[in-house]
Amino acid sequence: MADAATGQRRLAVRDLCVRYGARTAVEGATFEVTSGEVVALIGPNGAGKSSLLRAVVGLVPHDGEVELRGGSCHHRNHRVAAAMIPQRAEIDLTFPVSVAEVVRSGRRAFVGFGGWPRRADKVAADAALDRVGLAGFGHRHIGALSGGELQRVLLARALAQEANVLLLDEALSGVDHDRTLELLELVDSLAESGAAVVVSTHDLAMTRHRFGRCIAVNRRIVADGDPNEVLDAFGLDATFGSGSARWRLDQ
């Protein structure tokens, strides 16, 4: 991520809707994220957080508009500027693939369908691993990694992809406290280099203390702004329901 400019619009979502048959998962979502921002995305289970992030990268059908790098994206192949980092539970850790192979998969858009990785692609993958502090891990099998190491590998894949919009979908779940702090520091450094980052999380205490902006979702975008305002009593009621709000105020 050579572009270290901050304040440039990286992602714009307008009136985005995701439906699964008769069920609406996301309705009318509109927001923007600029370079240098690290944004928390919060909401109860089933609120549509994952569907929203999946729609941005083109993994689920949707209505509405997604803009990346200043242009509207109408096909998944156009969305290489955005990369999603899933949680560990969504990764098949028995699949016979090495760390290097996972990271190099981020270069597919540059290699082309059926093409062989070039030396430049291998160099880019090695540089990405070095950036996330995993130089020398390329030969390891992904199943041998800790939760924090796996998330670093997936971030390295996003860097190899040259994505400047990073979407972490509960990627910190199952990662211990110290490794979570290390990952957040890495995310902050990527944002300082010009990335725009959205982190889906259930950890409201961390959201208050570690993020400058919070988007609350419950099918619709309920609130968007300073976490201390979004997560006040009214915001928690609107997002989680009154019972959940009273419980979470003490967290």
C-alpha atoms as a PDB file:
ATOM      1  CA  MET A   1       0.000   0.000   0.000  1.00  0.00           C
ATOM      2  CA  ALA A   2       2.217   2.736  -1.268  1.00  0.00           C
ATOM      3  CA  ASP A   3      -0.496   5.398  -1.126  1.00  0.00           C
ATOM      4  CA  ALA A   4      -0.255   6.904   2.323  1.00  0.00           C
ATOM      5  CA  ALA A   5      -2.722   9.721   1.668  1.00  0.00           C
ATOM      6  CA  THR A   6      -5.410  10.064   4.309  1.00  0.00           C
ATOM      7  CA  GLY A   7      -8.887  11.445   3.958  1.00  0.00           C
ATOM      8  CA  GLN A   8      -9.470  10.119   0.443  1.00  0.00           C
ATOM      9  CA  ARG A   9     -12.712   8.250  -0.071  1.00  0.00           C
ATOM     10  CA  ARG A  10     -11.876   4.560  -0.416  1.00  0.00           C
ATOM     11  CA  LEU A  11     -15.324   2.979  -0.114  1.00  0.00           C
ATOM     12  CA  ALA A  12     -18.794   4.365  -0.767  1.00  0.00           C
ATOM     13  CA  VAL A  13     -21.910   2.251  -0.250  1.00  0.00           C
ATOM     14  CA  ARG A  14     -25.255   3.657  -1.345  1.00  0.00           C
ATOM     15  CA  ASP A  15     -28.676   2.188  -0.626  1.00  0.00           C
ATOM     16  CA  LEU A  16     -27.283  -1.345  -0.427  1.00  0.00           C
ATOM     17  CA  CYS A  17     -29.826  -4.131   0.090  1.00  0.00           C
ATOM     18  CA  VAL A  18     -29.191  -7.860   0.539  1.00  0.00           C
ATOM     19  CA  ARG A  19     -32.048 -10.349   0.380  1.00  0.00           C
ATOM     20  CA  TYR A  20     -32.125 -14.114   0.749  1.00  0.00           C
ATOM     21  CA  GLY A  21     -35.419 -15.094  -0.804  1.00  0.00           C
ATOM     22  CA  ALA A  22     -38.161 -13.398   1.195  1.00  0.00           C
ATOM     23  CA  ARG A  23     -35.804 -12.430   4.023  1.00  0.00           C
ATOM     24  CA  THR A  24     -34.105  -9.039   3.975  1.00  0.00           C
ATOM     25  CA  ALA A  25     -30.687  -9.123   5.638  1.00  0.00           C
ATOM     26  CA  VAL A  26     -29.594  -5.560   4.858  1.00  0.00           C
ATOM     27  CA  GLU A  27     -31.820  -2.694   3.799  1.00  0.00           C
ATOM     28  CA  GLY A  28     -30.811   0.722   2.481  1.00  0.00           C
ATOM     29  CA  ALA A  29     -27.267   0.830   3.890  1.00  0.00           C
ATOM     30  CA  THR A  30     -25.393   4.002   2.966  1.00  0.00           C
ATOM     31  CA  PHE A  31     -21.977   5.026   4.298  1.00  0.00           C
ATOM     32  CA  GLU A  32     -18.460   6.018   3.257  1.00  0.00           C
ATOM     33  CA  VAL A  33     -15.027   5.141   4.614  1.00  0.00           C
ATOM     34  CA  THR A  34     -11.925   7.186   3.860  1.00  0.00           C
ATOM     35  CA  SER A  35      -8.242   6.316   3.851  1.00  0.00           C
ATOM     36  CA  GLY A  36      -6.761   6.258   7.318  1.00  0.00           C
ATOM     37  CA  GLU A  37     -10.034   5.318   9.014  1.00  0.00           C
ATOM     38  CA  VAL A  38     -10.476   2.238  11.194  1.00  0.00           C
ATOM     39  CA  VAL A  39     -14.217   1.752  11.730  1.00  0.00           C
ATOM     40  CA  ALA A  40     -15.974  -0.706  14.063  1.00  0.00           C
ATOM     41  CA  LEU A  41     -19.101  -2.408  12.717  1.00  0.00           C
ATOM     42  CA  ILE A  42     -21.317  -3.625  15.558  1.00  0.00           C
ATOM     43  CA  GLY A  43     -24.729  -5.225  15.928  1.00  0.00           C
ATOM     44  CA  PRO A  44     -26.450  -8.320  17.304  1.00  0.00           C
ATOM     45  CA  ASN A  45     -26.174 -11.764  15.722  1.00  0.00           C
ATOM     46  CA  GLY A  46     -28.226 -11.855  12.538  1.00  0.00           C
ATOM     47  CA  ALA A  47     -28.101  -8.071  12.143  1.00  0.00           C
ATOM     48  CA  GLY A  48     -26.620  -8.284   8.638  1.00  0.00           C
ATOM     49  CA  LYS A  49     -23.008  -7.341   9.375  1.00  0.00           C
ATOM     50  CA  SER A  50     -21.495 -10.255   7.457  1.00  0.00           C
ATOM     51  CA  SER A  51     -23.980  -9.863   4.607  1.00  0.00           C
ATOM     52  CA  LEU A  52     -23.042  -6.199   4.318  1.00  0.00           C
ATOM     53  CA  LEU A  53     -19.318  -6.944   4.125  1.00  0.00           C
ATOM     54  CA  ARG A  54     -19.844  -9.849   1.727  1.00  0.00           C
ATOM     55  CA  ALA A  55     -21.869  -7.606  -0.558  1.00  0.00           C
ATOM     56  CA  VAL A  56     -19.066  -5.038  -0.677  1.00  0.00           C
ATOM     57  CA  VAL A  57     -16.616  -7.637  -2.010  1.00  0.00           C
ATOM     58  CA  GLY A  58     -19.212  -9.166  -4.335  1.00  0.00           C
ATOM     59  CA  LEU A  59     -19.727 -12.494  -2.567  1.00  0.00           C
ATOM     60  CA  VAL A  60     -23.521 -12.186  -2.333  1.00  0.00           C
ATOM     61  CA  PRO A  61     -26.072 -10.715  -4.762  1.00  0.00           C
ATOM     62  CA  HIS A  62     -27.330  -7.292  -3.768  1.00  0.00           C
ATOM     63  CA  ASP A  63     -29.039  -4.132  -4.915  1.00  0.00           C
ATOM     64  CA  GLY A  64     -27.546  -0.685  -4.552  1.00  0.00           C
ATOM     65  CA  GLU A  65     -24.167   0.736  -5.424  1.00  0.00           C
ATOM     66  CA  VAL A  66     -20.632  -0.009  -4.260  1.00  0.00           C
ATOM     67  CA  GLU A  67     -17.865   2.415  -5.233  1.00  0.00           C
ATOM     68  CA  LEU A  68     -14.170   1.560  -4.909  1.00  0.00           C
ATOM     69  CA  ARG A  69     -11.197   3.608  -6.103  1.00  0.00           C
ATOM     70  CA  GLY A  70     -13.592   6.267  -7.324  1.00  0.00           C
ATOM     71  CA  GLY A  71     -15.585   4.022  -9.669  1.00  0.00           C
ATOM     72  CA  SER A  72     -18.799   2.033  -9.377  1.00  0.00           C
ATOM     73  CA  CYS A  73     -18.224  -1.718  -9.209  1.00  0.00           C
ATOM     74  CA  HIS A  74     -20.838  -3.873 -10.870  1.00  0.00           C
ATOM     75  CA  HIS A  75     -18.983  -7.181 -10.864  1.00  0.00           C
ATOM     76  CA  ARG A  76     -16.937  -9.122  -8.346  1.00  0.00           C
ATOM     77  CA  ASN A  77     -13.883  -9.006 -10.636  1.00  0.00           C
ATOM     78  CA  HIS A  78     -13.853  -5.219 -10.316  1.00  0.00           C
ATOM     79  CA  ARG A  79     -13.613  -5.330  -6.542  1.00  0.00           C
ATOM     80  CA  VAL A  80      -9.976  -6.263  -6.024  1.00  0.00           C
ATOM     81  CA  ALA A  81      -9.540  -2.958  -4.180  1.00  0.00           C
ATOM     82  CA  ALA A  82     -11.442  -4.539  -1.278  1.00  0.00           C
ATOM     83  CA  ALA A  83     -10.480  -7.687   0.633  1.00  0.00           C
ATOM     84  CA  MET A  84     -12.376  -9.501   3.363  1.00  0.00           C
ATOM     85  CA  ILE A  85     -10.601 -11.268   6.215  1.00  0.00           C
ATOM     86  CA  PRO A  86     -12.939 -13.898   7.735  1.00  0.00           C
ATOM     87  CA  GLN A  87     -12.788 -15.444  11.177  1.00  0.00           C
ATOM     88  CA  ARG A  88     -10.802 -18.614  11.807  1.00  0.00           C
ATOM     89  CA  ALA A  89     -13.938 -20.779  12.026  1.00  0.00           C
ATOM     90  CA  GLU A  90     -14.677 -20.117   8.343  1.00  0.00           C
ATOM     91  CA  ILE A  91     -11.304 -21.437   7.134  1.00  0.00           C
ATOM     92  CA  ASP A  92     -10.788 -25.109   6.286  1.00  0.00           C
ATOM     93  CA  LEU A  93      -7.588 -25.684   8.219  1.00  0.00           C
ATOM     94  CA  THR A  94      -7.241 -29.247   6.888  1.00  0.00           C
ATOM     95  CA  PHE A  95      -6.903 -28.085   3.286  1.00  0.00           C
ATOM     96  CA  PRO A  96      -3.387 -28.884   2.014  1.00  0.00           C
ATOM     97  CA  VAL A  97      -2.126 -25.378   1.362  1.00  0.00           C
ATOM     98  CA  SER A  98       0.905 -23.488   2.636  1.00  0.00           C
ATOM     99  CA  VAL A  99       1.087 -19.956   3.982  1.00  0.00           C
ATOM    100  CA  ALA A 100       2.944 -18.842   0.840  1.00  0.00           C
ATOM    101  CA  GLU A 101       0.242 -20.304  -1.407  1.00  0.00           C
ATOM    102  CA  VAL A 102      -2.501 -18.531   0.538  1.00  0.00           C
ATOM    103  CA  VAL A 103      -0.746 -15.172   0.277  1.00  0.00           C
ATOM    104  CA  ARG A 104       0.076 -15.635  -3.411  1.00  0.00           C
ATOM    105  CA  SER A 105      -3.608 -16.282  -4.095  1.00  0.00           C
ATOM    106  CA  GLY A 106      -4.044 -12.560  -3.552  1.00  0.00           C
ATOM    107  CA  ARG A 107      -2.137 -12.005  -6.798  1.00  0.00           C
ATOM    108  CA  ARG A 108      -4.710 -13.740  -9.013  1.00  0.00           C
ATOM    109  CA  ALA A 109      -5.999 -10.493 -10.466  1.00  0.00           C
ATOM    110  CA  PHE A 110      -2.474  -9.692 -11.677  1.00  0.00           C
ATOM    111  CA  VAL A 111      -1.604 -13.177 -12.921  1.00  0.00           C
ATOM    112  CA  GLY A 112      -4.828 -13.816 -14.831  1.00  0.00           C
ATOM    113  CA  PHE A 113      -6.977 -16.942 -14.974  1.00  0.00           C
ATOM    114  CA  GLY A 114      -4.876 -20.081 -15.357  1.00  0.00           C
ATOM    115  CA  GLY A 115      -1.628 -18.102 -15.315  1.00  0.00           C
ATOM    116  CA  TRP A 116       1.493 -18.989 -13.364  1.00  0.00           C
ATOM    117  CA  PRO A 117       2.804 -16.675 -10.653  1.00  0.00           C
ATOM    118  CA  ARG A 118       5.591 -14.437 -11.892  1.00  0.00           C
ATOM    119  CA  ARG A 119       8.682 -13.581  -9.911  1.00  0.00           C
ATOM    120  CA  ALA A 120       7.095 -10.201  -9.180  1.00  0.00           C
ATOM    121  CA  ASP A 121       4.091 -11.955  -7.623  1.00  0.00           C
ATOM    122  CA  LYS A 122       6.315 -14.066  -5.381  1.00  0.00           C
ATOM    123  CA  VAL A 123       8.264 -10.968  -4.346  1.00  0.00           C
ATOM    124  CA  ALA A 124       4.996  -9.163  -3.545  1.00  0.00           C
ATOM    125  CA  ALA A 125       3.783 -12.112  -1.448  1.00  0.00           C
ATOM    126  CA  ASP A 126       7.072 -12.312   0.465  1.00  0.00           C
ATOM    127  CA  ALA A 127       6.971  -8.565   1.096  1.00  0.00           C
ATOM    128  CA  ALA A 128       3.402  -8.847   2.390  1.00  0.00           C
ATOM    129  CA  LEU A 129       4.382 -11.594   4.832  1.00  0.00           C
ATOM    130  CA  ASP A 130       7.282  -9.495   6.032  1.00  0.00           C
ATOM    131  CA  ARG A 131       4.925  -6.529   6.511  1.00  0.00           C
ATOM    132  CA  VAL A 132       2.726  -8.521   8.894  1.00  0.00           C
ATOM    133  CA  GLY A 133       5.682  -9.933  10.807  1.00  0.00           C
ATOM    134  CA  LEU A 134       5.623 -13.461   9.350  1.00  0.00           C
ATOM    135  CA  ALA A 135       8.742 -13.533   7.196  1.00  0.00           C
ATOM    136  CA  GLY A 136       9.946 -17.139   6.991  1.00  0.00           C
ATOM    137  CA  PHE A 137       6.461 -18.609   7.565  1.00  0.00           C
ATOM    138  CA  GLY A 138       5.818 -19.338   3.885  1.00  0.00           C
ATOM    139  CA  HIS A 139       6.477 -23.084   4.093  1.00  0.00           C
ATOM    140  CA  ARG A 140       4.141 -23.703   7.015  1.00  0.00           C
ATOM    141  CA  HIS A 141       0.755 -25.352   6.653  1.00  0.00           C
ATOM    142  CA  ILE A 142      -2.142 -23.059   7.572  1.00  0.00           C
ATOM    143  CA  GLY A 143      -3.458 -25.645  10.045  1.00  0.00           C
ATOM    144  CA  ALA A 144      -0.309 -25.233  12.146  1.00  0.00           C
ATOM    145  CA  LEU A 145      -0.907 -21.539  12.761  1.00  0.00           C
ATOM    146  CA  SER A 146      -2.339 -19.891  15.846  1.00  0.00           C
ATOM    147  CA  GLY A 147      -5.463 -17.759  15.514  1.00  0.00           C
ATOM    148  CA  GLY A 148      -3.454 -14.545  15.475  1.00  0.00           C
ATOM    149  CA  GLU A 149      -0.950 -15.895  12.934  1.00  0.00           C
ATOM    150  CA  LEU A 150      -3.752 -17.003  10.616  1.00  0.00           C
ATOM    151  CA  GLN A 151      -5.312 -13.551  10.666  1.00  0.00           C
ATOM    152  CA  ARG A 152      -1.914 -12.044   9.845  1.00  0.00           C
ATOM    153  CA  VAL A 153      -1.618 -14.413   6.872  1.00  0.00           C
ATOM    154  CA  LEU A 154      -5.033 -13.327   5.607  1.00  0.00           C
ATOM    155  CA  LEU A 155      -4.035  -9.687   6.027  1.00  0.00           C
ATOM    156  CA  ALA A 156      -0.869 -10.463   4.052  1.00  0.00           C
ATOM    157  CA  ARG A 157      -3.024 -11.922   1.276  1.00  0.00           C
ATOM    158  CA  ALA A 158      -4.992  -8.663   1.207  1.00  0.00           C
ATOM    159  CA  LEU A 159      -1.738  -6.695   0.980  1.00  0.00           C
ATOM    160  CA  ALA A 160      -0.520  -8.915  -1.875  1.00  0.00           C
ATOM    161  CA  GLN A 161      -3.850  -8.197  -3.568  1.00  0.00           C
ATOM    162  CA  GLU A 162      -3.013  -4.488  -3.227  1.00  0.00           C
ATOM    163  CA  ALA A 163      -6.376  -3.906  -1.595  1.00  0.00           C
ATOM    164  CA  ASN A 164      -6.795  -0.577   0.149  1.00  0.00           C
ATOM    165  CA  VAL A 165     -10.148  -1.430   1.728  1.00  0.00           C
ATOM    166  CA  LEU A 166      -9.842  -4.145   4.403  1.00  0.00           C
ATOM    167  CA  LEU A 167     -12.955  -5.745   5.862  1.00  0.00           C
ATOM    168  CA  LEU A 168     -12.436  -7.889   8.977  1.00  0.00           C
ATOM    169  CA  ASP A 169     -15.520 -10.044   9.529  1.00  0.00           C
ATOM    170  CA  GLU A 170     -15.284 -11.076  13.198  1.00  0.00           C
ATOM    171  CA  ALA A 171     -11.647 -11.819  12.403  1.00  0.00           C
ATOM    172  CA  LEU A 172     -10.626 -11.174  16.019  1.00  0.00           C
ATOM    173  CA  SER A 173     -12.962 -13.853  17.407  1.00  0.00           C
ATOM    174  CA  GLY A 174     -11.026 -16.702  19.004  1.00  0.00           C
ATOM    175  CA  VAL A 175      -7.831 -14.640  19.194  1.00  0.00           C
ATOM    176  CA  ASP A 176      -6.422 -14.113  22.690  1.00  0.00           C
ATOM    177  CA  HIS A 177      -6.204 -10.651  24.222  1.00  0.00           C
ATOM    178  CA  ASP A 178      -2.501 -10.002  23.585  1.00  0.00           C
ATOM    179  CA  ARG A 179      -2.685 -11.188  19.969  1.00  0.00           C
ATOM    180  CA  THR A 180      -5.824  -9.086  19.461  1.00  0.00           C
ATOM    181  CA  LEU A 181      -3.951  -5.987  20.574  1.00  0.00           C
ATOM    182  CA  GLU A 182      -1.087  -6.853  18.222  1.00  0.00           C
ATOM    183  CA  LEU A 183      -3.520  -7.287  15.312  1.00  0.00           C
ATOM    184  CA  LEU A 184      -5.175  -3.973  16.093  1.00  0.00           C
ATOM    185  CA  GLU A 185      -1.777  -2.263  16.111  1.00  0.00           C
ATOM    186  CA  LEU A 186      -1.062  -3.831  12.723  1.00  0.00           C
ATOM    187  CA  VAL A 187      -4.436  -2.661  11.420  1.00  0.00           C
ATOM    188  CA  ASP A 188      -3.690   0.853  12.676  1.00  0.00           C
ATOM    189  CA  SER A 189      -0.354   0.831  10.835  1.00  0.00           C
ATOM    190  CA  LEU A 190      -2.063  -0.264   7.609  1.00  0.00           C
ATOM    191  CA  ALA A 191      -4.548   2.571   7.998  1.00  0.00           C
ATOM    192  CA  GLU A 192      -1.701   5.011   8.523  1.00  0.00           C
ATOM    193  CA  SER A 193      -0.335   3.791   5.178  1.00  0.00           C
ATOM    194  CA  GLY A 194      -3.591   4.759   3.445  1.00  0.00           C
ATOM    195  CA  ALA A 195      -5.948   1.826   3.908  1.00  0.00           C
ATOM    196  CA  ALA A 196      -9.573   2.104   4.981  1.00  0.00           C
ATOM    197  CA  VAL A 197     -10.483  -0.597   7.492  1.00  0.00           C
ATOM    198  CA  VAL A 198     -13.841  -1.888   8.748  1.00  0.00           C
ATOM    199  CA  VAL A 199     -13.782  -4.321  11.685  1.00  0.00           C
ATOM    200  CA  SER A 200     -16.945  -6.267  12.533  1.00  0.00           C
ATOM    201  CA  THR A 201     -16.909  -7.047  16.243  1.00  0.00           C
ATOM    202  CA  HIS A 202     -19.079  -7.908  19.236  1.00  0.00           C
ATOM    203  CA  ASP A 203     -16.603  -6.405  21.689  1.00  0.00           C
ATOM    204  CA  LEU A 204     -18.227  -3.131  22.714  1.00  0.00           C
ATOM    205  CA  ALA A 205     -15.599  -2.269  25.321  1.00  0.00           C
ATOM    206  CA  MET A 206     -12.875  -2.564  22.688  1.00  0.00           C
ATOM    207  CA  THR A 207     -14.997  -0.513  20.294  1.00  0.00           C
ATOM    208  CA  ARG A 208     -15.226   2.314  22.829  1.00  0.00           C
ATOM    209  CA  HIS A 209     -11.518   2.328  23.621  1.00  0.00           C
ATOM    210  CA  ARG A 210      -9.830   1.463  20.322  1.00  0.00           C
ATOM    211  CA  PHE A 211     -11.953   2.942  17.538  1.00  0.00           C
ATOM    212  CA  GLY A 212     -12.641   6.512  16.494  1.00  0.00           C
ATOM    213  CA  ARG A 213     -15.823   5.642  14.615  1.00  0.00           C
ATOM    214  CA  CYS A 214     -18.545   3.044  15.014  1.00  0.00           C
ATOM    215  CA  ILE A 215     -21.339   1.968  12.655  1.00  0.00           C
ATOM    216  CA  ALA A 216     -24.228   0.204  14.416  1.00  0.00           C
ATOM    217  CA  VAL A 217     -26.290  -2.159  12.266  1.00  0.00           C
ATOM    218  CA  ASN A 218     -29.539  -4.014  12.810  1.00  0.00           C
ATOM    219  CA  ARG A 219     -30.607  -4.770   9.249  1.00  0.00           C
ATOM    220  CA  ARG A 220     -30.455  -1.020   8.675  1.00  0.00           C
ATOM    221  CA  ILE A 221     -27.702   1.351   9.751  1.00  0.00           C
ATOM    222  CA  VAL A 222     -28.942   2.497  13.146  1.00  0.00           C
ATOM    223  CA  ALA A 223     -26.169   4.955  13.998  1.00  0.00           C
ATOM    224  CA  ASP A 224     -22.799   6.091  12.680  1.00  0.00           C
ATOM    225  CA  GLY A 225     -20.312   8.209  14.592  1.00  0.00           C
ATOM    226  CA  ASP A 226     -18.226   8.484  17.745  1.00  0.00           C
ATOM    227  CA  PRO A 227     -18.453   5.172  19.681  1.00  0.00           C
ATOM    228  CA  ASN A 228     -19.245   6.961  22.931  1.00  0.00           C
ATOM    229  CA  GLU A 229     -22.312   8.473  21.277  1.00  0.00           C
ATOM    230  CA  VAL A 230     -23.326   5.441  19.208  1.00  0.00           C
ATOM    231  CA  LEU A 231     -22.999   3.185  22.256  1.00  0.00           C
ATOM    232  CA  ASP A 232     -24.905   5.369  24.702  1.00  0.00           C
ATOM    233  CA  ALA A 233     -28.131   4.044  26.239  1.00  0.00           C
ATOM    234  CA  PHE A 234     -30.293   5.248  23.369  1.00  0.00           C
ATOM    235  CA  GLY A 235     -27.970   3.796  20.724  1.00  0.00           C
ATOM    236  CA  LEU A 236     -27.755   0.443  22.469  1.00  0.00           C
ATOM    237  CA  ASP A 237     -31.538   0.286  22.762  1.00  0.00           C
ATOM    238  CA  ALA A 238     -31.926   1.053  19.074  1.00  0.00           C
ATOM    239  CA  THR A 239     -29.290  -1.503  18.028  1.00  0.00           C
ATOM    240  CA  PHE A 240     -29.712  -4.405  20.428  1.00  0.00           C
ATOM    241  CA  GLY A 241     -33.121  -3.876  22.019  1.00  0.00           C
ATOM    242  CA  SER A 242     -33.773  -2.559  25.505  1.00  0.00           C
ATOM    243  CA  GLY A 243     -32.917  -5.763  27.375  1.00  0.00           C
ATOM    244  CA  SER A 244     -29.584  -6.179  25.624  1.00  0.00           C
ATOM    245  CA  ALA A 245     -28.819  -2.502  26.025  1.00  0.00           C
ATOM    246  CA  ARG A 246     -29.210  -2.532  29.807  1.00  0.00           C
ATOM    247  CA  TRP A 247     -26.967  -5.590  30.062  1.00  0.00           C
ATOM    248  CA  ARG A 248     -24.292  -4.215  27.745  1.00  0.00           C
ATOM    249  CA  LEU A 249     -24.057  -0.831  29.446  1.00  0.00           C
ATOM    250  CA  ASP A 250     -22.082  -2.530  32.193  1.00  0.00           C
ATOM    251  CA  GLN A 251     -19.628  -4.212  29.793  1.00  0.00           C
END
